[in-house]
Amino acid sequence: MALTASLRGVNELAPADMDGMYALMTSHYQHVHRDVFEHDLAGKDAVILLHEVETSQLRGFSTQVCFDHEDLRILFSGDTIIHPDHWGGMQLPVMFGRMMQALKREEPHRRLFWMLISKGFRTYRFLPVFFHQFYPHVDRPTPAWEQSLMDSLGQLRFANGYDPAEVFYLGESVLLSEYCGRGIGVRFFEQREAHARALASDLASPFGPLRWFAFEEHRQEHSRAMRLPVQQKRRASRQVRWYEI
């Protein structure tokens, strides 16, 4: 069934919306507690909701919060889940792109960054689609200013739960353009992730043994790909190397 996406403020959510979001979380993740879920949701500004067109059943969501950090605007994506029956759909990334464009239009002269934590390749694959530049980056070391921003935001959001010494950085990697689009990047990511988990299997952390941070600056021209027809967009994305985060 087809999905439709909508963006709502957290204060606009009905009890049924919250029940549906919590049900999705508990059906796909372990150790999800209602009080923790609601406390985390209360700290967000908005939610992208994905409903089935025919049944109106909630099939996915992504929580968002935008905050100021010094002279920057930071968009942080929190809990995000899509039912496996609808993996691969474009409704969530299209709505996310529109939200980023709207935020940039509000204050076009301020720098806008996306703070992303990703532990799976599906979110990881958004990076070359949405952004021309992000760190850690395959072609160059992370500059001192960007690294400082990563660390300060990680500590700001997670307090004592973020320790730069515990971040596993996968190093520099490249995939030749003629091999892009064949699924190699996904397998590459999964194998590296498995290696990291093996190394850190005994790490006690409330966020798990892996932490992936990507910080990208969003400019209005970065969203031009979202207006391309699907086939053109796929061809454009294949010109971008796979980067590890």
C-alpha atoms as a PDB file:
ATOM      1  CA  MET A   1       0.000   0.000   0.000  1.00  0.00           C
ATOM      2  CA  ALA A   2       1.127   3.533  -0.731  1.00  0.00           C
ATOM      3  CA  LEU A   3       2.215   5.861   2.060  1.00  0.00           C
ATOM      4  CA  THR A   4       1.595   9.544   2.591  1.00  0.00           C
ATOM      5  CA  ALA A   5       3.863  11.770   4.682  1.00  0.00           C
ATOM      6  CA  SER A   6       2.882  14.650   6.946  1.00  0.00           C
ATOM      7  CA  LEU A   7       4.798  16.941   9.286  1.00  0.00           C
ATOM      8  CA  ARG A   8       3.275  17.762  12.657  1.00  0.00           C
ATOM      9  CA  GLY A   9       4.378  19.607  15.721  1.00  0.00           C
ATOM     10  CA  VAL A  10       4.824  17.415  18.781  1.00  0.00           C
ATOM     11  CA  ASN A  11       2.145  19.444  20.565  1.00  0.00           C
ATOM     12  CA  GLU A  12      -0.276  18.589  17.718  1.00  0.00           C
ATOM     13  CA  LEU A  13      -0.011  14.828  18.195  1.00  0.00           C
ATOM     14  CA  ALA A  14      -3.155  13.052  19.322  1.00  0.00           C
ATOM     15  CA  PRO A  15      -2.980  10.243  21.919  1.00  0.00           C
ATOM     16  CA  ALA A  16      -3.647   7.760  19.104  1.00  0.00           C
ATOM     17  CA  ASP A  17      -0.593   9.076  17.227  1.00  0.00           C
ATOM     18  CA  MET A  18       1.633   8.557  20.249  1.00  0.00           C
ATOM     19  CA  ASP A  19       0.196   5.089  20.834  1.00  0.00           C
ATOM     20  CA  GLY A  20       0.915   4.145  17.241  1.00  0.00           C
ATOM     21  CA  MET A  21       4.456   5.490  17.394  1.00  0.00           C
ATOM     22  CA  TYR A  22       5.154   3.607  20.601  1.00  0.00           C
ATOM     23  CA  ALA A  23       3.686   0.413  19.150  1.00  0.00           C
ATOM     24  CA  LEU A  24       6.014   0.665  16.158  1.00  0.00           C
ATOM     25  CA  MET A  25       9.011   1.104  18.433  1.00  0.00           C
ATOM     26  CA  THR A  26       8.167  -1.820  20.699  1.00  0.00           C
ATOM     27  CA  SER A  27       7.461  -4.146  17.780  1.00  0.00           C
ATOM     28  CA  HIS A  28      10.928  -3.595  16.292  1.00  0.00           C
ATOM     29  CA  TYR A  29      13.183  -2.732  19.241  1.00  0.00           C
ATOM     30  CA  GLN A  30      13.851  -4.307  22.614  1.00  0.00           C
ATOM     31  CA  HIS A  31      13.895  -2.528  25.982  1.00  0.00           C
ATOM     32  CA  VAL A  32      11.654   0.356  24.877  1.00  0.00           C
ATOM     33  CA  HIS A  33       9.872   1.919  27.854  1.00  0.00           C
ATOM     34  CA  ARG A  34       6.890   4.234  27.560  1.00  0.00           C
ATOM     35  CA  ASP A  35       8.169   6.835  30.008  1.00  0.00           C
ATOM     36  CA  VAL A  36      11.549   7.066  28.281  1.00  0.00           C
ATOM     37  CA  PHE A  37       9.857   7.233  24.872  1.00  0.00           C
ATOM     38  CA  GLU A  38       7.530  10.052  25.936  1.00  0.00           C
ATOM     39  CA  HIS A  39      10.338  11.973  27.657  1.00  0.00           C
ATOM     40  CA  ASP A  40      12.443  11.814  24.511  1.00  0.00           C
ATOM     41  CA  LEU A  41       9.502  12.833  22.329  1.00  0.00           C
ATOM     42  CA  ALA A  42       8.789  15.843  24.563  1.00  0.00           C
ATOM     43  CA  GLY A  43      12.256  17.150  23.725  1.00  0.00           C
ATOM     44  CA  LYS A  44      11.515  17.259  19.987  1.00  0.00           C
ATOM     45  CA  ASP A  45       9.836  19.957  17.892  1.00  0.00           C
ATOM     46  CA  ALA A  46       8.155  17.975  15.144  1.00  0.00           C
ATOM     47  CA  VAL A  47       7.477  14.505  13.787  1.00  0.00           C
ATOM     48  CA  ILE A  48       7.324  13.225  10.225  1.00  0.00           C
ATOM     49  CA  LEU A  49       4.465  10.713  10.141  1.00  0.00           C
ATOM     50  CA  LEU A  50       3.967   8.068   7.476  1.00  0.00           C
ATOM     51  CA  HIS A  51       0.453   6.653   7.069  1.00  0.00           C
ATOM     52  CA  GLU A  52      -0.982   4.138   4.648  1.00  0.00           C
ATOM     53  CA  VAL A  53      -3.227   5.956   2.212  1.00  0.00           C
ATOM     54  CA  GLU A  54      -6.017   3.368   2.212  1.00  0.00           C
ATOM     55  CA  THR A  55      -6.091   2.371   5.878  1.00  0.00           C
ATOM     56  CA  SER A  56      -4.645   5.495   7.583  1.00  0.00           C
ATOM     57  CA  GLN A  57      -2.506   3.129   9.671  1.00  0.00           C
ATOM     58  CA  LEU A  58       0.740   4.603  10.988  1.00  0.00           C
ATOM     59  CA  ARG A  59       3.654   2.796   9.351  1.00  0.00           C
ATOM     60  CA  GLY A  60       6.594   5.016  10.190  1.00  0.00           C
ATOM     61  CA  PHE A  61       7.819   8.210  11.821  1.00  0.00           C
ATOM     62  CA  SER A  62      10.896  10.330  12.469  1.00  0.00           C
ATOM     63  CA  THR A  63      11.239  12.835  15.309  1.00  0.00           C
ATOM     64  CA  GLN A  64      13.067  16.132  14.741  1.00  0.00           C
ATOM     65  CA  VAL A  65      14.365  19.035  16.774  1.00  0.00           C
ATOM     66  CA  CYS A  66      16.080  22.216  15.607  1.00  0.00           C
ATOM     67  CA  PHE A  67      18.188  24.159  18.091  1.00  0.00           C
ATOM     68  CA  ASP A  68      20.742  26.941  18.181  1.00  0.00           C
ATOM     69  CA  HIS A  69      24.399  26.312  18.909  1.00  0.00           C
ATOM     70  CA  GLU A  70      26.466  29.489  19.036  1.00  0.00           C
ATOM     71  CA  ASP A  71      25.745  31.130  15.657  1.00  0.00           C
ATOM     72  CA  LEU A  72      24.652  27.865  13.973  1.00  0.00           C
ATOM     73  CA  ARG A  73      21.319  26.102  13.530  1.00  0.00           C
ATOM     74  CA  ILE A  74      21.395  22.353  14.184  1.00  0.00           C
ATOM     75  CA  LEU A  75      18.743  19.882  13.068  1.00  0.00           C
ATOM     76  CA  PHE A  76      18.870  16.640  15.037  1.00  0.00           C
ATOM     77  CA  SER A  77      16.925  13.570  13.932  1.00  0.00           C
ATOM     78  CA  GLY A  78      15.841  11.350  16.813  1.00  0.00           C
ATOM     79  CA  ASP A  79      13.784   8.152  16.839  1.00  0.00           C
ATOM     80  CA  THR A  80      13.152   7.026  13.267  1.00  0.00           C
ATOM     81  CA  ILE A  81      11.467   3.844  12.118  1.00  0.00           C
ATOM     82  CA  ILE A  82       9.637   2.571   9.044  1.00  0.00           C
ATOM     83  CA  HIS A  83       7.813  -0.735   8.934  1.00  0.00           C
ATOM     84  CA  PRO A  84       9.841  -3.220   6.836  1.00  0.00           C
ATOM     85  CA  ASP A  85       6.928  -3.567   4.393  1.00  0.00           C
ATOM     86  CA  HIS A  86       7.646  -0.004   3.291  1.00  0.00           C
ATOM     87  CA  TRP A  87      11.439   0.096   3.220  1.00  0.00           C
ATOM     88  CA  GLY A  88      12.795   1.805   0.131  1.00  0.00           C
ATOM     89  CA  GLY A  89       9.984   4.339  -0.201  1.00  0.00           C
ATOM     90  CA  MET A  90      10.708   7.986  -0.913  1.00  0.00           C
ATOM     91  CA  GLN A  91       8.049   9.618   1.277  1.00  0.00           C
ATOM     92  CA  LEU A  92      10.311  10.129   4.293  1.00  0.00           C
ATOM     93  CA  PRO A  93      13.371  11.541   2.471  1.00  0.00           C
ATOM     94  CA  VAL A  94      11.206  13.826   0.326  1.00  0.00           C
ATOM     95  CA  MET A  95       9.452  15.249   3.395  1.00  0.00           C
ATOM     96  CA  PHE A  96      12.777  15.574   5.186  1.00  0.00           C
ATOM     97  CA  GLY A  97      14.220  17.494   2.224  1.00  0.00           C
ATOM     98  CA  ARG A  98      11.262  19.870   2.229  1.00  0.00           C
ATOM     99  CA  MET A  99      11.684  20.446   5.948  1.00  0.00           C
ATOM    100  CA  MET A 100      15.372  21.288   5.505  1.00  0.00           C
ATOM    101  CA  GLN A 101      14.510  23.713   2.709  1.00  0.00           C
ATOM    102  CA  ALA A 102      11.896  25.403   4.893  1.00  0.00           C
ATOM    103  CA  LEU A 103      14.360  25.786   7.763  1.00  0.00           C
ATOM    104  CA  LYS A 104      16.944  27.300   5.452  1.00  0.00           C
ATOM    105  CA  ARG A 105      14.407  29.748   4.006  1.00  0.00           C
ATOM    106  CA  GLU A 106      13.538  30.947   7.517  1.00  0.00           C
ATOM    107  CA  GLU A 107      17.095  32.131   8.117  1.00  0.00           C
ATOM    108  CA  PRO A 108      18.974  31.928   4.809  1.00  0.00           C
ATOM    109  CA  HIS A 109      22.103  33.630   6.111  1.00  0.00           C
ATOM    110  CA  ARG A 110      22.661  31.262   9.032  1.00  0.00           C
ATOM    111  CA  ARG A 111      24.551  28.015   8.596  1.00  0.00           C
ATOM    112  CA  LEU A 112      22.352  24.940   9.020  1.00  0.00           C
ATOM    113  CA  PHE A 113      23.794  21.546   9.951  1.00  0.00           C
ATOM    114  CA  TRP A 114      22.202  18.123  10.228  1.00  0.00           C
ATOM    115  CA  MET A 115      23.337  16.081  13.213  1.00  0.00           C
ATOM    116  CA  LEU A 116      22.886  12.432  12.354  1.00  0.00           C
ATOM    117  CA  ILE A 117      23.445   9.271  14.364  1.00  0.00           C
ATOM    118  CA  SER A 118      23.184   6.203  12.179  1.00  0.00           C
ATOM    119  CA  LYS A 119      23.799   2.542  12.869  1.00  0.00           C
ATOM    120  CA  GLY A 120      22.437   1.145   9.605  1.00  0.00           C
ATOM    121  CA  PHE A 121      23.070   1.595   5.919  1.00  0.00           C
ATOM    122  CA  ARG A 122      19.571   2.823   5.035  1.00  0.00           C
ATOM    123  CA  THR A 123      20.103   6.119   6.831  1.00  0.00           C
ATOM    124  CA  TYR A 124      23.751   6.155   5.814  1.00  0.00           C
ATOM    125  CA  ARG A 125      22.735   6.162   2.163  1.00  0.00           C
ATOM    126  CA  PHE A 126      20.953   9.503   2.594  1.00  0.00           C
ATOM    127  CA  LEU A 127      24.263  11.329   2.983  1.00  0.00           C
ATOM    128  CA  PRO A 128      25.448  11.516  -0.642  1.00  0.00           C
ATOM    129  CA  VAL A 129      21.864  12.146  -1.772  1.00  0.00           C
ATOM    130  CA  PHE A 130      21.265  15.191   0.420  1.00  0.00           C
ATOM    131  CA  PHE A 131      24.726  16.619   0.991  1.00  0.00           C
ATOM    132  CA  HIS A 132      27.822  17.504  -0.982  1.00  0.00           C
ATOM    133  CA  GLN A 133      30.024  17.669   2.097  1.00  0.00           C
ATOM    134  CA  PHE A 134      30.003  15.902   5.441  1.00  0.00           C
ATOM    135  CA  TYR A 135      32.420  14.571   8.046  1.00  0.00           C
ATOM    136  CA  PRO A 136      34.038  12.157   8.667  1.00  0.00           C
ATOM    137  CA  HIS A 137      34.849  12.247   4.951  1.00  0.00           C
ATOM    138  CA  VAL A 138      36.626   9.774   2.740  1.00  0.00           C
ATOM    139  CA  ASP A 139      38.777  12.250   0.829  1.00  0.00           C
ATOM    140  CA  ARG A 140      40.208  14.344   3.628  1.00  0.00           C
ATOM    141  CA  PRO A 141      40.744  14.321   7.380  1.00  0.00           C
ATOM    142  CA  THR A 142      38.093  15.953   9.516  1.00  0.00           C
ATOM    143  CA  PRO A 143      39.134  19.601  10.036  1.00  0.00           C
ATOM    144  CA  ALA A 144      39.716  20.739  13.596  1.00  0.00           C
ATOM    145  CA  TRP A 145      36.662  23.040  13.644  1.00  0.00           C
ATOM    146  CA  GLU A 146      34.298  20.326  12.391  1.00  0.00           C
ATOM    147  CA  GLN A 147      35.726  17.774  14.836  1.00  0.00           C
ATOM    148  CA  SER A 148      35.268  20.228  17.683  1.00  0.00           C
ATOM    149  CA  LEU A 149      31.669  20.788  16.572  1.00  0.00           C
ATOM    150  CA  MET A 150      31.007  17.043  16.525  1.00  0.00           C
ATOM    151  CA  ASP A 151      32.376  16.578  20.006  1.00  0.00           C
ATOM    152  CA  SER A 152      30.660  19.599  21.530  1.00  0.00           C
ATOM    153  CA  LEU A 153      27.257  18.655  20.056  1.00  0.00           C
ATOM    154  CA  GLY A 154      27.661  15.033  21.075  1.00  0.00           C
ATOM    155  CA  GLN A 155      28.386  16.081  24.637  1.00  0.00           C
ATOM    156  CA  LEU A 156      25.577  18.650  24.545  1.00  0.00           C
ATOM    157  CA  ARG A 157      22.949  16.129  23.438  1.00  0.00           C
ATOM    158  CA  PHE A 158      24.131  13.126  25.449  1.00  0.00           C
ATOM    159  CA  ALA A 159      26.071  14.603  28.365  1.00  0.00           C
ATOM    160  CA  ASN A 160      28.081  11.806  29.965  1.00  0.00           C
ATOM    161  CA  GLY A 161      26.833   9.300  27.391  1.00  0.00           C
ATOM    162  CA  TYR A 162      29.207  10.642  24.741  1.00  0.00           C
ATOM    163  CA  ASP A 163      32.922  10.018  24.970  1.00  0.00           C
ATOM    164  CA  PRO A 164      35.032  10.813  21.865  1.00  0.00           C
ATOM    165  CA  ALA A 165      37.459   8.068  22.904  1.00  0.00           C
ATOM    166  CA  GLU A 166      34.719   5.478  22.386  1.00  0.00           C
ATOM    167  CA  VAL A 167      33.794   6.545  18.843  1.00  0.00           C
ATOM    168  CA  PHE A 168      34.780   3.950  16.242  1.00  0.00           C
ATOM    169  CA  TYR A 169      35.854   5.737  13.062  1.00  0.00           C
ATOM    170  CA  LEU A 170      35.976   3.451  10.034  1.00  0.00           C
ATOM    171  CA  GLY A 171      38.731   5.299   8.240  1.00  0.00           C
ATOM    172  CA  GLU A 172      39.082   6.443   4.662  1.00  0.00           C
ATOM    173  CA  SER A 173      37.491   4.353   1.940  1.00  0.00           C
ATOM    174  CA  VAL A 174      36.564   4.767  -1.698  1.00  0.00           C
ATOM    175  CA  LEU A 175      34.484   2.923  -4.261  1.00  0.00           C
ATOM    176  CA  LEU A 176      35.164   3.567  -7.944  1.00  0.00           C
ATOM    177  CA  SER A 177      32.251   5.214  -9.728  1.00  0.00           C
ATOM    178  CA  GLU A 178      31.827   2.343 -12.200  1.00  0.00           C
ATOM    179  CA  TYR A 179      30.928   0.033  -9.300  1.00  0.00           C
ATOM    180  CA  CYS A 180      28.388   2.370  -7.685  1.00  0.00           C
ATOM    181  CA  GLY A 181      24.742   1.311  -7.699  1.00  0.00           C
ATOM    182  CA  ARG A 182      25.503  -2.409  -7.426  1.00  0.00           C
ATOM    183  CA  GLY A 183      24.930  -2.800  -3.709  1.00  0.00           C
ATOM    184  CA  ILE A 184      28.643  -2.975  -2.931  1.00  0.00           C
ATOM    185  CA  GLY A 185      28.477   0.026  -0.645  1.00  0.00           C
ATOM    186  CA  VAL A 186      25.772  -1.594   1.480  1.00  0.00           C
ATOM    187  CA  ARG A 187      27.742  -4.811   1.908  1.00  0.00           C
ATOM    188  CA  PHE A 188      30.864  -2.782   2.610  1.00  0.00           C
ATOM    189  CA  PHE A 189      29.086  -0.868   5.364  1.00  0.00           C
ATOM    190  CA  GLU A 190      27.622  -4.041   6.914  1.00  0.00           C
ATOM    191  CA  GLN A 191      30.967  -5.850   6.987  1.00  0.00           C
ATOM    192  CA  ARG A 192      32.725  -2.886   8.587  1.00  0.00           C
ATOM    193  CA  GLU A 193      29.911  -2.576  11.122  1.00  0.00           C
ATOM    194  CA  ALA A 194      30.206  -6.277  11.973  1.00  0.00           C
ATOM    195  CA  HIS A 195      33.951  -5.820  12.501  1.00  0.00           C
ATOM    196  CA  ALA A 196      33.360  -2.874  14.823  1.00  0.00           C
ATOM    197  CA  ARG A 197      30.784  -4.823  16.810  1.00  0.00           C
ATOM    198  CA  ALA A 198      33.230  -7.690  17.223  1.00  0.00           C
ATOM    199  CA  LEU A 199      35.860  -5.299  18.567  1.00  0.00           C
ATOM    200  CA  ALA A 200      33.444  -3.558  20.933  1.00  0.00           C
ATOM    201  CA  SER A 201      31.160  -6.418  21.914  1.00  0.00           C
ATOM    202  CA  ASP A 202      31.936  -5.970  25.607  1.00  0.00           C
ATOM    203  CA  LEU A 203      31.472  -2.179  25.652  1.00  0.00           C
ATOM    204  CA  ALA A 204      28.797  -1.251  28.155  1.00  0.00           C
ATOM    205  CA  SER A 205      26.926   1.762  26.833  1.00  0.00           C
ATOM    206  CA  PRO A 206      23.295   2.924  26.941  1.00  0.00           C
ATOM    207  CA  PHE A 207      23.620   3.692  23.224  1.00  0.00           C
ATOM    208  CA  GLY A 208      25.157   0.346  22.227  1.00  0.00           C
ATOM    209  CA  PRO A 209      28.704  -0.476  21.129  1.00  0.00           C
ATOM    210  CA  LEU A 210      28.643   1.680  18.004  1.00  0.00           C
ATOM    211  CA  ARG A 211      28.198   5.395  17.542  1.00  0.00           C
ATOM    212  CA  TRP A 212      27.989   6.981  14.150  1.00  0.00           C
ATOM    213  CA  PHE A 213      28.031  10.743  13.879  1.00  0.00           C
ATOM    214  CA  ALA A 214      27.744  12.697  10.674  1.00  0.00           C
ATOM    215  CA  PHE A 215      27.482  16.444  10.566  1.00  0.00           C
ATOM    216  CA  GLU A 216      26.637  18.059   7.276  1.00  0.00           C
ATOM    217  CA  GLU A 217      26.073  21.665   6.324  1.00  0.00           C
ATOM    218  CA  HIS A 218      22.874  22.231   4.373  1.00  0.00           C
ATOM    219  CA  ARG A 219      22.669  24.870   1.675  1.00  0.00           C
ATOM    220  CA  GLN A 220      19.615  25.570  -0.423  1.00  0.00           C
ATOM    221  CA  GLU A 221      21.272  24.315  -3.591  1.00  0.00           C
ATOM    222  CA  HIS A 222      21.903  20.961  -1.906  1.00  0.00           C
ATOM    223  CA  SER A 223      18.240  20.046  -2.281  1.00  0.00           C
ATOM    224  CA  ARG A 224      18.121  20.374  -6.055  1.00  0.00           C
ATOM    225  CA  ALA A 225      18.353  16.586  -6.393  1.00  0.00           C
ATOM    226  CA  MET A 226      14.981  16.246  -4.660  1.00  0.00           C
ATOM    227  CA  ARG A 227      13.320  17.951  -7.641  1.00  0.00           C
ATOM    228  CA  LEU A 228      14.824  15.596 -10.210  1.00  0.00           C
ATOM    229  CA  PRO A 229      12.814  12.732 -11.694  1.00  0.00           C
ATOM    230  CA  VAL A 230      13.615   9.450  -9.980  1.00  0.00           C
ATOM    231  CA  GLN A 231      15.716   8.043 -12.828  1.00  0.00           C
ATOM    232  CA  GLN A 232      17.754  11.254 -13.106  1.00  0.00           C
ATOM    233  CA  LYS A 233      18.227  11.290  -9.357  1.00  0.00           C
ATOM    234  CA  ARG A 234      19.536   7.724  -9.386  1.00  0.00           C
ATOM    235  CA  ARG A 235      22.012   8.535 -12.127  1.00  0.00           C
ATOM    236  CA  ALA A 236      23.173  11.616 -10.235  1.00  0.00           C
ATOM    237  CA  SER A 237      23.640   9.698  -6.978  1.00  0.00           C
ATOM    238  CA  ARG A 238      25.801   7.113  -8.700  1.00  0.00           C
ATOM    239  CA  GLN A 239      28.404   9.769  -9.383  1.00  0.00           C
ATOM    240  CA  VAL A 240      28.964  10.129  -5.642  1.00  0.00           C
ATOM    241  CA  ARG A 241      31.335   7.838  -3.785  1.00  0.00           C
ATOM    242  CA  TRP A 242      30.238   5.896  -0.747  1.00  0.00           C
ATOM    243  CA  TYR A 243      31.478   7.585   2.382  1.00  0.00           C
ATOM    244  CA  GLU A 244      31.738   6.048   5.801  1.00  0.00           C
ATOM    245  CA  ILE A 245      30.437   7.816   8.854  1.00  0.00           C
END
